[in-house]
Amino acid sequence: MLLSLSLLTNACANHAAVAPVPGQLSTFDAYSYRVLYDAQAALNSFKADVASGKVTETLTLKMVLNQAISDYDTANTVYQAWRAAGGNSSASATAPVTAAINKVQSDITGIAAQVTGGK
């Protein structure tokens, strides 16, 4: 679990999508889709680990997880709105999507830090 969180945050931060995503509007669209898809998988995996008792849920951890879920929902909404508007690839059009995705990635790193005791 922790390894997958670390890989997600490192891999997504450093590499653009390489294989096309069916129906993608651009490489930015494919990248954003994959980052959100991976973030959702990491959040679901973490929630399953908490539910199964593999990870002890503290009050702080619960707050960090809830913030990450909220930020994921916001990022997905921003991404979907950008895509529905035609997926303009200008920097000003992609900036809100990029900022929202970066926030989610930061949140997932925060979850990993909570689980490992900040190490």
N, C-alpha and C. Protein backbone atom coordinates (compact mmCIF):
# COMPACT_ATOMS: atom_id res chain seq x y z
N MET A 1 0.82 -1.19 0.00
CA MET A 1 0.00 0.00 0.00
C MET A 1 0.86 1.25 0.00
N LEU A 2 1.79 1.34 0.94
CA LEU A 2 2.65 2.52 1.01
C LEU A 2 3.50 2.64 -0.24
N LEU A 3 3.96 1.51 -0.73
CA LEU A 3 4.75 1.53 -1.94
C LEU A 3 3.93 2.07 -3.10
N SER A 4 2.68 1.65 -3.20
CA SER A 4 1.85 2.13 -4.31
C SER A 4 1.59 3.62 -4.19
N LEU A 5 1.42 4.14 -2.96
CA LEU A 5 1.25 5.58 -2.79
C LEU A 5 2.50 6.32 -3.20
N SER A 6 3.67 5.81 -2.81
CA SER A 6 4.93 6.45 -3.17
C SER A 6 5.13 6.43 -4.68
N LEU A 7 4.87 5.29 -5.28
CA LEU A 7 5.03 5.19 -6.73
C LEU A 7 4.07 6.12 -7.45
N LEU A 8 2.85 6.22 -6.97
CA LEU A 8 1.87 7.09 -7.60
C LEU A 8 2.34 8.53 -7.57
N THR A 9 2.75 9.01 -6.42
CA THR A 9 3.13 10.41 -6.32
C THR A 9 4.40 10.69 -7.10
N ASN A 10 5.35 9.78 -7.10
CA ASN A 10 6.59 10.00 -7.83
C ASN A 10 6.41 9.84 -9.34
N ALA A 11 5.73 8.81 -9.75
CA ALA A 11 5.58 8.55 -11.17
C ALA A 11 4.72 9.60 -11.85
N CYS A 12 3.63 9.98 -11.23
CA CYS A 12 2.73 10.94 -11.86
C CYS A 12 3.32 12.33 -11.89
N ALA A 13 4.14 12.65 -10.94
CA ALA A 13 4.72 13.98 -10.90
C ALA A 13 5.81 14.16 -11.96
N ASN A 14 6.41 13.06 -12.39
CA ASN A 14 7.56 13.16 -13.25
C ASN A 14 7.36 12.72 -14.70
N HIS A 15 6.26 12.05 -15.01
CA HIS A 15 6.10 11.50 -16.35
C HIS A 15 4.72 11.81 -16.91
N ALA A 16 4.71 12.17 -18.17
CA ALA A 16 3.45 12.35 -18.88
C ALA A 16 2.96 10.98 -19.35
N ALA A 17 1.67 10.91 -19.67
CA ALA A 17 1.11 9.67 -20.19
C ALA A 17 1.80 9.32 -21.50
N VAL A 18 2.14 8.05 -21.68
CA VAL A 18 2.85 7.65 -22.89
C VAL A 18 1.95 6.92 -23.87
N ALA A 19 1.00 6.15 -23.41
CA ALA A 19 0.09 5.45 -24.30
C ALA A 19 -1.21 6.25 -24.42
N PRO A 20 -1.80 6.27 -25.58
CA PRO A 20 -3.04 7.03 -25.74
C PRO A 20 -4.16 6.47 -24.87
N VAL A 21 -4.99 7.35 -24.40
CA VAL A 21 -6.20 6.97 -23.67
C VAL A 21 -7.34 7.07 -24.69
N PRO A 22 -8.16 6.02 -24.82
CA PRO A 22 -9.25 6.09 -25.80
C PRO A 22 -10.08 7.36 -25.61
N GLY A 23 -10.27 8.10 -26.70
CA GLY A 23 -11.07 9.32 -26.66
C GLY A 23 -10.35 10.54 -26.13
N GLN A 24 -9.03 10.43 -25.92
CA GLN A 24 -8.31 11.58 -25.38
C GLN A 24 -8.35 12.75 -26.35
N LEU A 25 -8.40 13.96 -25.79
CA LEU A 25 -8.39 15.18 -26.58
C LEU A 25 -6.97 15.65 -26.86
N SER A 26 -6.05 15.32 -25.96
CA SER A 26 -4.65 15.75 -26.06
C SER A 26 -3.83 14.92 -25.08
N THR A 27 -2.52 15.11 -25.09
CA THR A 27 -1.69 14.41 -24.12
C THR A 27 -1.99 14.94 -22.71
N PHE A 28 -2.32 16.22 -22.58
CA PHE A 28 -2.69 16.76 -21.27
C PHE A 28 -3.95 16.08 -20.75
N ASP A 29 -4.90 15.85 -21.62
CA ASP A 29 -6.14 15.16 -21.25
C ASP A 29 -5.82 13.75 -20.76
N ALA A 30 -4.98 13.03 -21.51
CA ALA A 30 -4.62 11.67 -21.12
C ALA A 30 -3.88 11.66 -19.79
N TYR A 31 -2.94 12.58 -19.62
CA TYR A 31 -2.18 12.68 -18.38
C TYR A 31 -3.11 12.95 -17.20
N SER A 32 -3.99 13.92 -17.35
CA SER A 32 -4.92 14.28 -16.27
C SER A 32 -5.82 13.11 -15.92
N TYR A 33 -6.35 12.45 -16.93
CA TYR A 33 -7.20 11.29 -16.71
C TYR A 33 -6.46 10.22 -15.91
N ARG A 34 -5.24 9.91 -16.33
CA ARG A 34 -4.48 8.85 -15.66
C ARG A 34 -4.11 9.22 -14.23
N VAL A 35 -3.74 10.47 -14.00
CA VAL A 35 -3.41 10.88 -12.64
C VAL A 35 -4.64 10.75 -11.75
N LEU A 36 -5.79 11.20 -12.23
CA LEU A 36 -7.02 11.10 -11.44
C LEU A 36 -7.41 9.64 -11.23
N TYR A 37 -7.25 8.84 -12.25
CA TYR A 37 -7.56 7.41 -12.14
C TYR A 37 -6.67 6.75 -11.08
N ASP A 38 -5.37 7.04 -11.14
CA ASP A 38 -4.44 6.48 -10.17
C ASP A 38 -4.70 7.01 -8.77
N ALA A 39 -5.05 8.28 -8.66
CA ALA A 39 -5.35 8.86 -7.34
C ALA A 39 -6.58 8.19 -6.74
N GLN A 40 -7.59 7.96 -7.56
CA GLN A 40 -8.79 7.28 -7.07
C GLN A 40 -8.44 5.87 -6.60
N ALA A 41 -7.61 5.18 -7.35
CA ALA A 41 -7.20 3.83 -6.95
C ALA A 41 -6.43 3.85 -5.63
N ALA A 42 -5.55 4.82 -5.47
CA ALA A 42 -4.78 4.93 -4.22
C ALA A 42 -5.70 5.23 -3.05
N LEU A 43 -6.66 6.14 -3.24
CA LEU A 43 -7.60 6.47 -2.17
C LEU A 43 -8.46 5.26 -1.81
N ASN A 44 -8.94 4.55 -2.81
CA ASN A 44 -9.75 3.36 -2.56
C ASN A 44 -8.94 2.28 -1.84
N SER A 45 -7.69 2.11 -2.23
CA SER A 45 -6.83 1.13 -1.58
C SER A 45 -6.58 1.52 -0.13
N PHE A 46 -6.34 2.80 0.10
CA PHE A 46 -6.11 3.25 1.47
C PHE A 46 -7.36 3.05 2.32
N LYS A 47 -8.53 3.40 1.78
CA LYS A 47 -9.78 3.20 2.53
C LYS A 47 -9.99 1.72 2.85
N ALA A 48 -9.64 0.84 1.93
CA ALA A 48 -9.77 -0.60 2.17
C ALA A 48 -8.80 -1.06 3.26
N ASP A 49 -7.60 -0.50 3.27
CA ASP A 49 -6.63 -0.85 4.31
C ASP A 49 -7.11 -0.40 5.69
N VAL A 50 -7.74 0.76 5.76
CA VAL A 50 -8.30 1.23 7.03
C VAL A 50 -9.45 0.32 7.45
N ALA A 51 -10.34 0.01 6.52
CA ALA A 51 -11.51 -0.82 6.83
C ALA A 51 -11.10 -2.23 7.28
N SER A 52 -10.03 -2.74 6.71
CA SER A 52 -9.59 -4.10 7.07
C SER A 52 -8.72 -4.13 8.32
N GLY A 53 -8.33 -2.97 8.81
CA GLY A 53 -7.49 -2.92 10.00
C GLY A 53 -6.00 -2.95 9.72
N LYS A 54 -5.61 -2.97 8.45
CA LYS A 54 -4.18 -2.95 8.11
C LYS A 54 -3.54 -1.63 8.53
N VAL A 55 -4.34 -0.57 8.50
CA VAL A 55 -3.88 0.76 8.89
C VAL A 55 -4.81 1.24 9.99
N THR A 56 -4.23 1.73 11.08
CA THR A 56 -5.02 2.26 12.18
C THR A 56 -5.42 3.69 11.86
N GLU A 57 -6.70 3.95 11.92
CA GLU A 57 -7.20 5.29 11.60
C GLU A 57 -7.18 6.16 12.86
N THR A 58 -6.37 7.20 12.82
CA THR A 58 -6.34 8.19 13.89
C THR A 58 -7.20 9.38 13.45
N LEU A 59 -7.46 10.27 14.35
CA LEU A 59 -8.24 11.47 14.01
C LEU A 59 -7.52 12.28 12.93
N THR A 60 -6.22 12.46 13.08
CA THR A 60 -5.46 13.21 12.09
C THR A 60 -5.49 12.51 10.74
N LEU A 61 -5.30 11.22 10.74
CA LEU A 61 -5.32 10.45 9.50
C LEU A 61 -6.68 10.55 8.82
N LYS A 62 -7.75 10.49 9.61
CA LYS A 62 -9.09 10.62 9.06
C LYS A 62 -9.28 11.98 8.41
N MET A 63 -8.76 13.02 9.06
CA MET A 63 -8.89 14.38 8.50
C MET A 63 -8.11 14.50 7.19
N VAL A 64 -6.90 13.94 7.15
CA VAL A 64 -6.08 13.98 5.95
C VAL A 64 -6.76 13.20 4.82
N LEU A 65 -7.29 12.03 5.13
CA LEU A 65 -7.98 11.23 4.12
C LEU A 65 -9.23 11.95 3.60
N ASN A 66 -10.02 12.50 4.50
CA ASN A 66 -11.22 13.22 4.08
C ASN A 66 -10.88 14.42 3.20
N GLN A 67 -9.79 15.12 3.54
CA GLN A 67 -9.37 16.26 2.71
C GLN A 67 -8.94 15.77 1.33
N ALA A 68 -8.21 14.66 1.28
CA ALA A 68 -7.78 14.11 0.00
C ALA A 68 -8.97 13.70 -0.86
N ILE A 69 -9.97 13.11 -0.24
CA ILE A 69 -11.17 12.71 -0.99
C ILE A 69 -11.90 13.94 -1.51
N SER A 70 -12.03 14.94 -0.67
CA SER A 70 -12.69 16.19 -1.08
C SER A 70 -11.92 16.86 -2.23
N ASP A 71 -10.60 16.91 -2.10
CA ASP A 71 -9.78 17.52 -3.16
C ASP A 71 -9.81 16.69 -4.44
N TYR A 72 -9.89 15.37 -4.31
CA TYR A 72 -10.03 14.52 -5.50
C TYR A 72 -11.35 14.84 -6.20
N ASP A 73 -12.44 14.95 -5.43
CA ASP A 73 -13.74 15.26 -6.03
C ASP A 73 -13.69 16.60 -6.75
N THR A 74 -13.04 17.59 -6.15
CA THR A 74 -12.91 18.90 -6.77
C THR A 74 -12.08 18.80 -8.05
N ALA A 75 -10.96 18.09 -7.99
CA ALA A 75 -10.10 17.94 -9.17
C ALA A 75 -10.84 17.25 -10.31
N ASN A 76 -11.61 16.23 -9.98
CA ASN A 76 -12.36 15.52 -11.01
C ASN A 76 -13.42 16.43 -11.63
N THR A 77 -14.08 17.24 -10.80
CA THR A 77 -15.09 18.18 -11.31
C THR A 77 -14.45 19.21 -12.23
N VAL A 78 -13.30 19.76 -11.82
CA VAL A 78 -12.60 20.75 -12.63
C VAL A 78 -12.15 20.13 -13.95
N TYR A 79 -11.62 18.92 -13.88
CA TYR A 79 -11.17 18.22 -15.08
C TYR A 79 -12.35 17.96 -16.02
N GLN A 80 -13.45 17.45 -15.48
CA GLN A 80 -14.62 17.15 -16.31
C GLN A 80 -15.17 18.42 -16.97
N ALA A 81 -15.17 19.53 -16.23
CA ALA A 81 -15.65 20.81 -16.80
C ALA A 81 -14.72 21.27 -17.93
N TRP A 82 -13.41 21.16 -17.70
CA TRP A 82 -12.44 21.53 -18.74
C TRP A 82 -12.66 20.69 -19.99
N ARG A 83 -12.85 19.40 -19.79
CA ARG A 83 -13.05 18.49 -20.92
C ARG A 83 -14.35 18.79 -21.65
N ALA A 84 -15.42 19.02 -20.90
CA ALA A 84 -16.72 19.31 -21.50
C ALA A 84 -16.70 20.62 -22.29
N ALA A 85 -15.82 21.53 -21.90
CA ALA A 85 -15.70 22.81 -22.59
C ALA A 85 -14.82 22.70 -23.84
N GLY A 86 -14.38 21.51 -24.18
CA GLY A 86 -13.62 21.30 -25.40
C GLY A 86 -12.16 20.99 -25.19
N GLY A 87 -11.68 21.08 -23.95
CA GLY A 87 -10.30 20.70 -23.67
C GLY A 87 -9.26 21.62 -24.27
N ASN A 88 -9.49 22.92 -24.17
CA ASN A 88 -8.52 23.89 -24.66
C ASN A 88 -7.18 23.64 -23.99
N SER A 89 -6.12 23.55 -24.79
CA SER A 89 -4.80 23.23 -24.25
C SER A 89 -3.96 24.45 -23.89
N SER A 90 -4.56 25.64 -23.93
CA SER A 90 -3.78 26.82 -23.54
C SER A 90 -3.44 26.75 -22.06
N ALA A 91 -2.36 27.40 -21.69
CA ALA A 91 -1.91 27.38 -20.29
C ALA A 91 -2.97 27.92 -19.35
N SER A 92 -3.69 28.95 -19.77
CA SER A 92 -4.71 29.52 -18.89
C SER A 92 -5.90 28.57 -18.71
N ALA A 93 -6.17 27.75 -19.71
CA ALA A 93 -7.28 26.80 -19.61
C ALA A 93 -6.90 25.56 -18.79
N THR A 94 -5.65 25.15 -18.88
CA THR A 94 -5.23 23.95 -18.18
C THR A 94 -4.76 24.23 -16.74
N ALA A 95 -4.47 25.48 -16.43
CA ALA A 95 -3.94 25.83 -15.10
C ALA A 95 -4.84 25.37 -13.95
N PRO A 96 -6.17 25.56 -14.00
CA PRO A 96 -7.00 25.09 -12.89
C PRO A 96 -6.96 23.57 -12.73
N VAL A 97 -6.90 22.86 -13.83
CA VAL A 97 -6.84 21.39 -13.77
C VAL A 97 -5.50 20.97 -13.16
N THR A 98 -4.44 21.58 -13.62
CA THR A 98 -3.11 21.26 -13.10
C THR A 98 -3.03 21.55 -11.60
N ALA A 99 -3.53 22.69 -11.17
CA ALA A 99 -3.49 23.04 -9.75
C ALA A 99 -4.29 22.04 -8.91
N ALA A 100 -5.45 21.65 -9.39
CA ALA A 100 -6.30 20.70 -8.66
C ALA A 100 -5.63 19.32 -8.57
N ILE A 101 -5.02 18.90 -9.67
CA ILE A 101 -4.33 17.60 -9.68
C ILE A 101 -3.12 17.64 -8.75
N ASN A 102 -2.37 18.73 -8.78
CA ASN A 102 -1.21 18.85 -7.89
C ASN A 102 -1.62 18.79 -6.43
N LYS A 103 -2.78 19.37 -6.10
CA LYS A 103 -3.28 19.34 -4.73
C LYS A 103 -3.58 17.90 -4.32
N VAL A 104 -4.23 17.15 -5.18
CA VAL A 104 -4.55 15.76 -4.87
C VAL A 104 -3.27 14.95 -4.67
N GLN A 105 -2.29 15.15 -5.53
CA GLN A 105 -1.01 14.43 -5.38
C GLN A 105 -0.35 14.79 -4.05
N SER A 106 -0.41 16.04 -3.68
CA SER A 106 0.14 16.47 -2.39
C SER A 106 -0.61 15.81 -1.24
N ASP A 107 -1.93 15.74 -1.36
CA ASP A 107 -2.74 15.09 -0.32
C ASP A 107 -2.37 13.62 -0.16
N ILE A 108 -2.16 12.93 -1.26
CA ILE A 108 -1.81 11.51 -1.19
C ILE A 108 -0.44 11.34 -0.54
N THR A 109 0.46 12.24 -0.82
CA THR A 109 1.76 12.22 -0.13
C THR A 109 1.56 12.43 1.37
N GLY A 110 0.62 13.31 1.74
CA GLY A 110 0.31 13.54 3.15
C GLY A 110 -0.26 12.30 3.83
N ILE A 111 -1.06 11.55 3.11
CA ILE A 111 -1.60 10.29 3.67
C ILE A 111 -0.45 9.34 3.94
N ALA A 112 0.44 9.19 2.97
CA ALA A 112 1.58 8.29 3.14
C ALA A 112 2.43 8.71 4.33
N ALA A 113 2.60 10.02 4.52
CA ALA A 113 3.39 10.52 5.65
C ALA A 113 2.72 10.19 6.97
N GLN A 114 1.39 10.27 7.02
CA GLN A 114 0.67 9.93 8.24
C GLN A 114 0.81 8.45 8.58
N VAL A 115 0.73 7.62 7.57
CA VAL A 115 0.81 6.18 7.78
C VAL A 115 2.20 5.77 8.23
N THR A 116 3.22 6.41 7.69
CA THR A 116 4.60 6.06 8.05
C THR A 116 5.11 6.89 9.21
N GLY A 117 4.26 7.68 9.83
CA GLY A 117 4.67 8.48 10.97
C GLY A 117 5.50 9.69 10.58
N GLY A 118 5.26 10.20 9.36
CA GLY A 118 5.96 11.39 8.91
C GLY A 118 7.37 11.11 8.39
N LYS A 119 7.71 9.84 8.20
CA LYS A 119 9.06 9.49 7.72
C LYS A 119 9.08 9.41 6.22
